[in-house]
Amino acid sequence: MLDTRQYRSPNAAPDGRGKTMLGLGQRGWFLDRVVRSDAVWKLVVSSVPLAVGTGRTVRDGWANSRNPLVPLGDHTGFEHELLEIVQKLAAHKVRNLVWLTADVHFPAVLRLAPLPGLVFHELIAGPLHAAYGYPRLFDRTLNPTRLYADGGFDNFGEIRLDASGLTVRIIDADGRERFGTTLLPEPAP
């Protein structure tokens, strides 16, 4: 579970080498733990999303909001740090990484393939009860594939791990499953 608030640089600062969401100590700890983990599935909790731009005038999440309408993004996210993390994960051939994120008030399941040989997933759920959000254009930096995205309803996510894989379900306030899939683990390289 990452602390994405306490060590963060000001949101309005331009993205670059000095801007951090995690701080050097937490980023080093996180990368060390993920790279050395022998767990089949590595679950990371971040209160802000990876592939969804947040914030109105400046970015409040990792992404700089690069999309077909804004190809260069707005340069106030924390993308430089995110790409450093992604490069380290790729260099160490980390497999079966799943990010659990929030903060956008709609559910989504994304497959991210930012570099050859590196694939991971971002699972977004919520709100159980708050203002509704709706899917928008996803940031292209991590090469996302939308497996599911919807909006306009109260929801929560459920994950279940067993021998067959990691099962993801998005459930609405009436208890109906709106989406479900099972992610299969990638074998070690």
Protein backbone atom coordinates (compact mmCIF):
# COMPACT_ATOMS: atom_id res chain seq x y z
CA MET A 1 0.00 0.00 0.00
CA LEU A 2 1.53 3.27 -1.15
CA ASP A 3 1.27 6.64 0.55
CA THR A 4 0.66 8.97 -2.40
CA ARG A 5 0.03 12.11 -0.34
CA GLN A 6 2.63 12.60 2.41
CA TYR A 7 5.83 12.78 0.31
CA ARG A 8 4.43 14.20 -2.88
CA SER A 9 5.73 17.28 -4.67
CA PRO A 10 3.21 20.07 -5.34
CA ASN A 11 0.73 19.04 -8.04
CA ALA A 12 1.32 22.23 -10.05
CA ALA A 13 5.09 21.62 -10.31
CA PRO A 14 6.18 20.61 -13.81
CA ASP A 15 6.75 16.90 -14.33
CA GLY A 16 10.41 15.92 -14.40
CA ARG A 17 13.31 14.36 -12.49
CA GLY A 18 12.70 16.25 -9.27
CA LYS A 19 8.95 15.69 -9.03
CA THR A 20 7.84 12.77 -6.88
CA MET A 21 4.60 11.14 -5.80
CA LEU A 22 6.25 8.68 -3.41
CA GLY A 23 9.46 10.30 -2.20
CA LEU A 24 12.83 8.63 -2.69
CA GLY A 25 12.66 6.45 0.43
CA GLN A 26 9.20 5.02 -0.24
CA ARG A 27 9.92 4.52 -3.95
CA GLY A 28 13.12 2.60 -3.11
CA TRP A 29 11.29 0.47 -0.54
CA PHE A 30 8.45 -0.26 -2.97
CA LEU A 31 10.71 -1.26 -5.85
CA ASP A 32 12.88 -3.42 -3.60
CA ARG A 33 9.86 -5.29 -2.24
CA VAL A 34 8.21 -5.84 -5.62
CA VAL A 35 11.41 -6.88 -7.40
CA ARG A 36 12.40 -9.34 -4.62
CA SER A 37 8.90 -10.74 -4.09
CA ASP A 38 8.40 -14.41 -4.90
CA ALA A 39 4.60 -14.10 -4.61
CA VAL A 40 2.71 -15.18 -7.70
CA TRP A 41 0.54 -12.04 -7.56
CA LYS A 42 1.87 -8.67 -6.46
CA LEU A 43 -0.97 -6.32 -5.45
CA VAL A 44 -0.19 -2.61 -5.15
CA VAL A 45 -2.68 -0.14 -3.68
CA SER A 46 -2.47 3.47 -4.86
CA SER A 47 -5.05 6.11 -3.96
CA VAL A 48 -4.54 7.69 -7.38
CA PRO A 49 -4.83 6.05 -10.80
CA LEU A 50 -2.07 5.30 -13.27
CA ALA A 51 -3.79 5.65 -16.65
CA VAL A 52 -6.55 8.13 -15.86
CA GLY A 53 -5.77 11.83 -15.73
CA THR A 54 -7.15 13.46 -12.59
CA GLY A 55 -7.42 17.08 -11.51
CA ARG A 56 -9.00 19.96 -13.38
CA THR A 57 -6.26 22.53 -13.89
CA VAL A 58 -3.23 20.50 -12.82
CA ARG A 59 -2.79 16.74 -12.54
CA ASP A 60 -3.47 15.05 -9.21
CA GLY A 61 -2.46 11.54 -10.34
CA TRP A 62 0.39 9.79 -12.09
CA ALA A 63 -0.66 10.51 -15.69
CA ASN A 64 0.03 13.67 -17.70
CA SER A 65 -3.22 12.93 -19.57
CA ARG A 66 -1.73 12.13 -22.98
CA ASN A 67 -4.58 11.06 -25.22
CA PRO A 68 -5.66 11.50 -28.86
CA LEU A 69 -7.13 14.93 -28.09
CA VAL A 70 -4.08 16.14 -26.11
CA PRO A 71 -1.14 14.16 -27.57
CA LEU A 72 1.53 15.83 -25.41
CA GLY A 73 -0.51 15.92 -22.19
CA ASP A 74 -0.23 18.84 -19.82
CA HIS A 75 3.09 18.10 -18.07
CA THR A 76 1.93 18.45 -14.45
CA GLY A 77 1.47 14.76 -13.59
CA PHE A 78 4.00 12.44 -11.98
CA GLU A 79 4.72 10.50 -15.16
CA HIS A 80 8.51 10.83 -15.06
CA GLU A 81 8.61 8.99 -11.73
CA LEU A 82 6.04 6.44 -12.95
CA LEU A 83 8.16 5.67 -16.02
CA GLU A 84 11.26 5.20 -13.84
CA ILE A 85 9.27 2.66 -11.80
CA VAL A 86 8.01 0.93 -14.97
CA GLN A 87 11.54 0.68 -16.41
CA LYS A 88 12.81 -0.93 -13.19
CA LEU A 89 9.91 -3.41 -13.20
CA ALA A 90 10.68 -4.31 -16.83
CA ALA A 91 14.42 -4.66 -16.17
CA HIS A 92 13.69 -7.15 -13.39
CA LYS A 93 11.02 -8.98 -15.41
CA VAL A 94 8.34 -8.50 -12.74
CA ARG A 95 5.25 -10.57 -13.53
CA ASN A 96 1.65 -10.64 -12.29
CA LEU A 97 1.55 -7.10 -10.95
CA VAL A 98 -1.89 -5.64 -10.25
CA TRP A 99 -2.51 -2.04 -9.17
CA LEU A 100 -5.68 -1.34 -7.17
CA THR A 101 -6.52 2.34 -7.63
CA ALA A 102 -9.35 4.81 -7.05
CA ASP A 103 -10.09 8.55 -7.10
CA VAL A 104 -12.02 8.77 -10.38
CA HIS A 105 -15.51 7.65 -9.24
CA PHE A 106 -16.03 5.02 -11.93
CA PRO A 107 -14.97 1.39 -12.30
CA ALA A 108 -12.48 0.22 -14.91
CA VAL A 109 -10.25 -2.76 -15.59
CA LEU A 110 -7.21 -1.96 -17.75
CA ARG A 111 -4.42 -4.04 -19.20
CA LEU A 112 -1.25 -1.95 -19.36
CA ALA A 113 1.67 -2.90 -21.65
CA PRO A 114 4.12 0.02 -21.45
CA LEU A 115 7.26 -1.85 -22.58
CA PRO A 116 7.95 -5.08 -24.48
CA GLY A 117 7.74 -7.98 -22.05
CA LEU A 118 5.98 -5.98 -19.30
CA VAL A 119 2.23 -6.34 -18.82
CA PHE A 120 0.28 -5.49 -15.69
CA HIS A 121 -3.27 -4.52 -14.77
CA GLU A 122 -4.96 -1.55 -13.17
CA LEU A 123 -8.23 -2.21 -11.35
CA ILE A 124 -10.30 0.86 -10.49
CA ALA A 125 -13.47 0.72 -8.39
CA GLY A 126 -15.74 3.15 -6.63
CA PRO A 127 -17.53 5.04 -5.47
CA LEU A 128 -19.70 3.00 -3.19
CA HIS A 129 -21.53 6.25 -2.58
CA ALA A 130 -20.27 9.61 -3.85
CA ALA A 131 -20.60 11.74 -6.96
CA TYR A 132 -20.54 9.59 -10.09
CA GLY A 133 -17.74 9.72 -12.59
CA TYR A 134 -17.73 8.43 -16.14
CA PRO A 135 -15.00 6.87 -18.25
CA ARG A 136 -12.93 9.26 -20.30
CA LEU A 137 -9.97 8.97 -22.61
CA PHE A 138 -7.21 7.03 -20.91
CA ASP A 139 -3.64 8.31 -20.82
CA ARG A 140 -1.67 6.55 -23.60
CA THR A 141 1.72 6.47 -21.84
CA LEU A 142 1.29 2.95 -20.42
CA ASN A 143 -0.37 1.63 -23.59
CA PRO A 144 -3.71 0.73 -21.97
CA THR A 145 -6.29 -1.70 -23.26
CA ARG A 146 -9.73 -1.18 -21.80
CA LEU A 147 -11.14 -4.50 -20.60
CA TYR A 148 -14.03 -2.73 -18.91
CA ALA A 149 -15.10 0.79 -18.02
CA ASP A 150 -18.51 2.15 -17.06
CA GLY A 151 -19.94 4.88 -14.88
CA GLY A 152 -22.98 6.48 -13.36
CA PHE A 153 -23.66 3.93 -10.60
CA ASP A 154 -22.54 3.08 -7.07
CA ASN A 155 -20.10 0.19 -7.14
CA PHE A 156 -17.29 -1.68 -5.48
CA GLY A 157 -14.69 -4.13 -6.66
CA GLU A 158 -13.98 -7.62 -5.44
CA ILE A 159 -10.87 -9.67 -6.10
CA ARG A 160 -10.39 -13.32 -5.30
CA LEU A 161 -7.17 -15.30 -5.58
CA ASP A 162 -7.09 -19.04 -6.06
CA ALA A 163 -5.23 -21.67 -8.08
CA SER A 164 -6.99 -20.64 -11.30
CA GLY A 165 -5.95 -17.00 -11.17
CA LEU A 166 -7.08 -13.62 -9.89
CA THR A 167 -10.81 -13.06 -10.35
CA VAL A 168 -12.01 -9.47 -10.60
CA ARG A 169 -15.66 -8.48 -10.19
CA ILE A 170 -17.33 -5.07 -10.32
CA ILE A 171 -20.56 -5.13 -8.33
CA ASP A 172 -23.25 -2.46 -8.16
CA ALA A 173 -25.14 -1.30 -5.06
CA ASP A 174 -27.92 -3.84 -5.77
CA GLY A 175 -25.42 -6.69 -5.62
CA ARG A 176 -25.43 -7.35 -9.39
CA GLU A 177 -22.20 -8.19 -11.10
CA ARG A 178 -21.54 -5.59 -13.81
CA PHE A 179 -18.25 -7.13 -14.94
CA GLY A 180 -16.15 -10.15 -14.12
CA THR A 181 -13.02 -11.75 -15.46
CA THR A 182 -10.20 -14.00 -14.30
CA LEU A 183 -6.62 -12.95 -14.94
CA LEU A 184 -4.27 -15.87 -15.45
CA PRO A 185 -0.78 -15.68 -13.95
CA GLU A 186 2.14 -15.27 -16.33
CA PRO A 187 4.88 -17.85 -15.83
CA ALA A 188 8.24 -16.65 -14.52
CA PRO A 189 10.72 -15.82 -17.30
